Amino acid sequence: MKPVYKRILLKLSGEGLMGDLQFGVSEKVIENLATQIKDVYDSGVEVCVVVGAGNIYRGAKDTPKNMKRVVGDQIGMLATVMNALHIQSALEAQGVPARVLSGIGIPSVCETYIYRRALRHLEKKRVIIFAAGTGNPYFTTDTGAALRASEMQCDVILKATQVDGVYDSDPRQNPKAKKYDVVSFDEVISRQLKVMDTSAVALARENNIPIIVFSQHEPNALVQVISGKGKYTIVKKEV
């Protein structure tokens, strides 16, 4: 493997951790992800990870009508910490040093996110798993990923999804959906393409961090993308 990036942020969906399950975390999926991250880590790439929580709690969608949105988002943030701890454990089982840094303080469980502490972990060659999004309600984990990628000065955001790139419509529902190999940030925003939420895309555009969308179900998908190979769509400033 010849990586084309030095520092990456990998955005994982919570739904993607379920595998064939209806809820929770698939041990097979977690182990496969950990193996791929280890391969990338061993190649000398510095790795940051952000994970969602759709396999446990889907924020606004799962929030009861009588519950305030702020509380629902807080529950969702806590669920991302649970997923982050799963990933940390899987990486450590493969000999990869990893730290969970949470946007909300849970000192007896994991470290609280501090900018300089995060940079120090990267200097010490540790994988960082950012949890709890931005630490604030009303912001998605996509926005949290774009924020942390900007703060850590990552070369690229890699978004692992259920499909192999960005399409003009859902390819799972429309067999004639058109796939983009390359698309601009502006087109993603103007056409409301399903990449990341608008605030996340705008933040990536502002800091000139390309977003690569790929399917996590492809064999060795992460390794392929890091090497500039495989199937994916790249979102960047100019096309």
Protein backbone atom coordinates (compact mmCIF):
# COMPACT_ATOMS: atom_id res chain seq x y z
CA MET A 1 0.00 0.00 0.00
CA LYS A 2 1.25 3.45 -0.97
CA PRO A 3 -0.93 5.95 0.90
CA VAL A 4 -1.66 9.26 -0.79
CA TYR A 5 -2.65 10.98 2.47
CA LYS A 6 -0.70 11.61 5.66
CA ARG A 7 -3.52 12.39 8.10
CA ILE A 8 -7.11 11.29 7.62
CA LEU A 9 -10.45 11.50 9.36
CA LEU A 10 -12.64 8.44 8.88
CA LYS A 11 -16.36 9.06 9.38
CA LEU A 12 -18.28 5.89 10.19
CA SER A 13 -22.05 5.60 10.35
CA GLY A 14 -23.63 3.94 13.32
CA GLU A 15 -25.91 1.96 11.00
CA GLY A 16 -22.86 0.54 9.27
CA LEU A 17 -21.73 -1.09 12.53
CA MET A 18 -24.82 -3.30 12.72
CA GLY A 19 -23.93 -5.59 9.82
CA ASP A 20 -26.75 -8.12 9.58
CA LEU A 21 -28.11 -7.23 13.00
CA GLN A 22 -31.20 -5.13 13.63
CA PHE A 23 -29.62 -3.26 16.53
CA GLY A 24 -26.26 -2.83 18.22
CA VAL A 25 -22.76 -3.68 17.04
CA SER A 26 -21.68 -6.60 14.87
CA GLU A 27 -18.45 -8.13 16.17
CA LYS A 28 -17.56 -9.15 12.62
CA VAL A 29 -17.98 -5.62 11.28
CA ILE A 30 -15.99 -4.06 14.12
CA GLU A 31 -13.12 -6.53 13.72
CA ASN A 32 -13.02 -5.95 9.96
CA LEU A 33 -12.91 -2.17 10.43
CA ALA A 34 -10.19 -2.49 13.06
CA THR A 35 -8.12 -4.66 10.71
CA GLN A 36 -8.39 -2.12 7.91
CA ILE A 37 -7.58 0.78 10.22
CA LYS A 38 -4.55 -1.16 11.48
CA ASP A 39 -3.33 -1.67 7.90
CA VAL A 40 -3.63 2.06 7.26
CA TYR A 41 -2.01 2.90 10.60
CA ASP A 42 0.89 0.51 9.92
CA SER A 43 1.52 2.30 6.61
CA GLY A 44 2.37 5.47 8.54
CA VAL A 45 -0.93 7.32 8.10
CA GLU A 46 -2.22 9.28 11.11
CA VAL A 47 -5.84 8.26 11.75
CA CYS A 48 -8.75 10.09 13.34
CA VAL A 49 -12.20 8.49 13.55
CA VAL A 50 -15.69 9.88 14.12
CA VAL A 51 -18.59 7.47 14.56
CA GLY A 52 -22.34 8.01 14.56
CA ALA A 53 -24.94 6.24 16.67
CA GLY A 54 -27.73 5.20 14.31
CA ASN A 55 -27.34 1.59 15.43
CA ILE A 56 -28.37 2.59 18.95
CA TYR A 57 -30.22 5.90 18.89
CA ARG A 58 -31.01 8.06 15.87
CA GLY A 59 -31.24 11.44 17.52
CA ALA A 60 -34.28 13.44 16.43
CA LYS A 61 -35.90 10.40 14.75
CA ASP A 62 -35.95 8.39 17.98
CA THR A 63 -36.74 11.28 20.32
CA PRO A 64 -40.24 10.95 21.83
CA LYS A 65 -42.66 13.81 21.17
CA ASN A 66 -42.73 14.78 24.84
CA MET A 67 -38.93 14.98 25.06
CA LYS A 68 -37.04 18.17 24.26
CA ARG A 69 -34.72 18.03 21.25
CA VAL A 70 -31.73 18.97 23.44
CA VAL A 71 -32.24 15.88 25.62
CA GLY A 72 -32.66 13.63 22.58
CA ASP A 73 -29.42 14.92 21.12
CA GLN A 74 -27.62 14.37 24.40
CA ILE A 75 -28.78 10.74 24.40
CA GLY A 76 -27.49 10.41 20.84
CA MET A 77 -24.12 11.86 21.84
CA LEU A 78 -23.80 9.34 24.66
CA ALA A 79 -24.59 6.54 22.19
CA THR A 80 -21.64 7.63 20.01
CA VAL A 81 -19.38 7.22 23.05
CA MET A 82 -20.53 3.61 23.35
CA ASN A 83 -19.65 2.96 19.70
CA ALA A 84 -16.31 4.72 20.11
CA LEU A 85 -15.41 2.47 23.04
CA HIS A 86 -16.23 -0.58 20.90
CA ILE A 87 -13.85 0.63 18.19
CA GLN A 88 -11.13 1.49 20.70
CA SER A 89 -11.32 -1.98 22.21
CA ALA A 90 -11.16 -3.65 18.79
CA LEU A 91 -8.12 -1.60 17.80
CA GLU A 92 -6.30 -2.30 21.06
CA ALA A 93 -6.96 -6.03 20.58
CA GLN A 94 -4.95 -5.74 17.37
CA GLY A 95 -2.13 -3.84 19.01
CA VAL A 96 -3.09 -0.37 17.81
CA PRO A 97 -2.91 2.36 20.49
CA ALA A 98 -6.18 4.31 20.51
CA ARG A 99 -7.83 7.01 22.61
CA VAL A 100 -11.47 8.10 22.81
CA LEU A 101 -11.91 11.86 23.15
CA SER A 102 -15.44 12.96 23.95
CA GLY A 103 -17.04 16.32 23.25
CA ILE A 104 -18.87 15.98 26.57
CA GLY A 105 -17.11 15.26 29.84
CA ILE A 106 -17.24 11.64 31.04
CA PRO A 107 -13.88 11.50 32.84
CA SER A 108 -14.35 8.06 34.38
CA VAL A 109 -14.98 6.56 30.91
CA CYS A 110 -12.80 8.46 28.45
CA GLU A 111 -10.86 11.66 27.94
CA THR A 112 -12.59 14.97 27.30
CA TYR A 113 -11.67 16.58 23.99
CA ILE A 114 -8.97 19.23 24.27
CA TYR A 115 -7.38 20.50 21.07
CA ARG A 116 -3.74 20.32 22.17
CA ARG A 117 -4.26 16.96 23.87
CA ALA A 118 -5.62 15.56 20.61
CA LEU A 119 -2.60 16.83 18.70
CA ARG A 120 -0.33 15.26 21.30
CA HIS A 121 -1.99 11.87 20.81
CA LEU A 122 -1.33 12.12 17.07
CA GLU A 123 2.30 13.02 17.76
CA LYS A 124 2.52 9.88 19.90
CA LYS A 125 1.16 7.83 16.97
CA ARG A 126 -2.18 7.00 18.53
CA VAL A 127 -5.48 6.61 16.70
CA ILE A 128 -8.00 9.16 17.96
CA ILE A 129 -11.70 8.31 18.10
CA PHE A 130 -13.74 11.47 18.51
CA ALA A 131 -17.08 10.88 20.24
CA ALA A 132 -20.15 12.93 21.20
CA GLY A 133 -20.03 15.04 18.06
CA THR A 134 -19.28 18.69 18.77
CA GLY A 135 -20.53 18.28 22.33
CA ASN A 136 -23.55 20.46 21.52
CA PRO A 137 -27.15 19.67 20.54
CA TYR A 138 -28.50 20.50 17.07
CA PHE A 139 -25.24 19.47 15.39
CA THR A 140 -24.87 16.14 13.59
CA THR A 141 -21.90 13.80 13.75
CA ASP A 142 -21.21 14.84 10.13
CA THR A 143 -20.66 18.40 11.32
CA GLY A 144 -18.59 17.05 14.21
CA ALA A 145 -16.45 15.15 11.71
CA ALA A 146 -15.87 18.25 9.56
CA LEU A 147 -15.04 20.28 12.66
CA ARG A 148 -12.52 17.78 14.04
CA ALA A 149 -10.96 17.29 10.60
CA SER A 150 -10.50 21.07 10.37
CA GLU A 151 -9.03 21.34 13.86
CA MET A 152 -6.65 18.43 13.30
CA GLN A 153 -5.71 19.73 9.83
CA CYS A 154 -6.55 16.42 8.19
CA ASP A 155 -5.78 15.98 4.50
CA VAL A 156 -9.14 14.37 3.75
CA ILE A 157 -12.44 13.23 5.22
CA LEU A 158 -13.30 9.64 4.31
CA LYS A 159 -16.99 8.93 4.68
CA ALA A 160 -17.86 5.23 4.80
CA THR A 161 -21.45 4.66 3.65
CA GLN A 162 -23.77 1.92 2.41
CA VAL A 163 -23.14 2.83 -1.27
CA ASP A 164 -19.96 3.29 -3.30
CA GLY A 165 -20.13 7.03 -3.88
CA VAL A 166 -22.37 10.02 -4.49
CA TYR A 167 -25.37 9.66 -6.81
CA ASP A 168 -27.96 12.10 -8.13
CA SER A 169 -30.62 9.94 -6.45
CA ASP A 170 -30.70 6.90 -4.19
CA PRO A 171 -29.24 3.99 -6.22
CA ARG A 172 -30.97 1.51 -3.93
CA GLN A 173 -34.32 2.86 -5.12
CA ASN A 174 -33.44 4.12 -8.61
CA PRO A 175 -31.42 1.68 -10.77
CA LYS A 176 -30.77 4.51 -13.25
CA ALA A 177 -29.21 6.80 -10.67
CA LYS A 178 -26.12 8.61 -11.97
CA LYS A 179 -22.90 8.26 -10.00
CA TYR A 180 -20.40 11.12 -9.75
CA ASP A 181 -16.68 10.36 -9.85
CA VAL A 182 -15.88 13.95 -8.88
CA VAL A 183 -18.26 16.68 -7.73
CA SER A 184 -17.76 20.17 -6.31
CA PHE A 185 -18.77 21.32 -2.85
CA ASP A 186 -21.00 23.97 -4.43
CA GLU A 187 -22.88 21.40 -6.53
CA VAL A 188 -23.37 19.13 -3.52
CA ILE A 189 -24.92 22.05 -1.62
CA SER A 190 -26.99 23.49 -4.48
CA ARG A 191 -28.38 20.11 -5.57
CA GLN A 192 -28.71 18.85 -2.00
CA LEU A 193 -26.86 15.66 -2.81
CA LYS A 194 -26.78 13.16 0.03
CA VAL A 195 -23.15 13.42 1.12
CA MET A 196 -23.11 15.11 4.51
CA ASP A 197 -25.35 17.77 5.95
CA THR A 198 -24.98 21.27 4.51
CA SER A 199 -23.09 22.75 7.47
CA ALA A 200 -20.54 19.92 7.33
CA VAL A 201 -19.99 20.35 3.58
CA ALA A 202 -19.68 24.12 3.96
CA LEU A 203 -17.10 23.71 6.74
CA ALA A 204 -15.07 21.26 4.64
CA ARG A 205 -15.23 23.67 1.70
CA GLU A 206 -14.13 26.61 3.85
CA ASN A 207 -11.07 24.67 5.04
CA ASN A 208 -10.44 23.03 1.63
CA ILE A 209 -10.68 19.47 2.95
CA PRO A 210 -11.88 17.06 0.25
CA ILE A 211 -14.51 14.47 1.16
CA ILE A 212 -14.28 10.96 -0.26
CA VAL A 213 -17.45 8.89 -0.14
CA PHE A 214 -17.07 5.11 -0.44
CA SER A 215 -18.80 1.88 0.52
CA GLN A 216 -17.50 0.24 3.67
CA HIS A 217 -18.85 -3.08 2.38
CA GLU A 218 -16.27 -3.37 -0.42
CA PRO A 219 -13.34 -5.71 0.44
CA ASN A 220 -10.44 -3.70 1.88
CA ALA A 221 -12.37 -0.54 1.00
CA LEU A 222 -10.44 1.77 3.34
CA VAL A 223 -7.05 0.49 2.22
CA GLN A 224 -8.07 0.92 -1.43
CA VAL A 225 -9.24 4.50 -0.93
CA ILE A 226 -6.12 5.47 1.02
CA SER A 227 -4.09 4.26 -1.96
CA GLY A 228 -6.20 6.25 -4.43
CA LYS A 229 -7.85 3.11 -5.78
CA GLY A 230 -11.26 1.44 -5.60
CA LYS A 231 -14.72 2.87 -6.13
CA TYR A 232 -15.57 6.23 -4.63
CA THR A 233 -16.63 9.82 -5.26
CA ILE A 234 -14.44 12.74 -4.31
CA VAL A 235 -15.98 16.07 -3.33
CA LYS A 236 -13.66 19.04 -3.67
CA LYS A 237 -13.55 22.74 -4.45
CA GLU A 238 -12.98 22.67 -8.18
CA VAL A 239 -13.91 20.02 -10.73
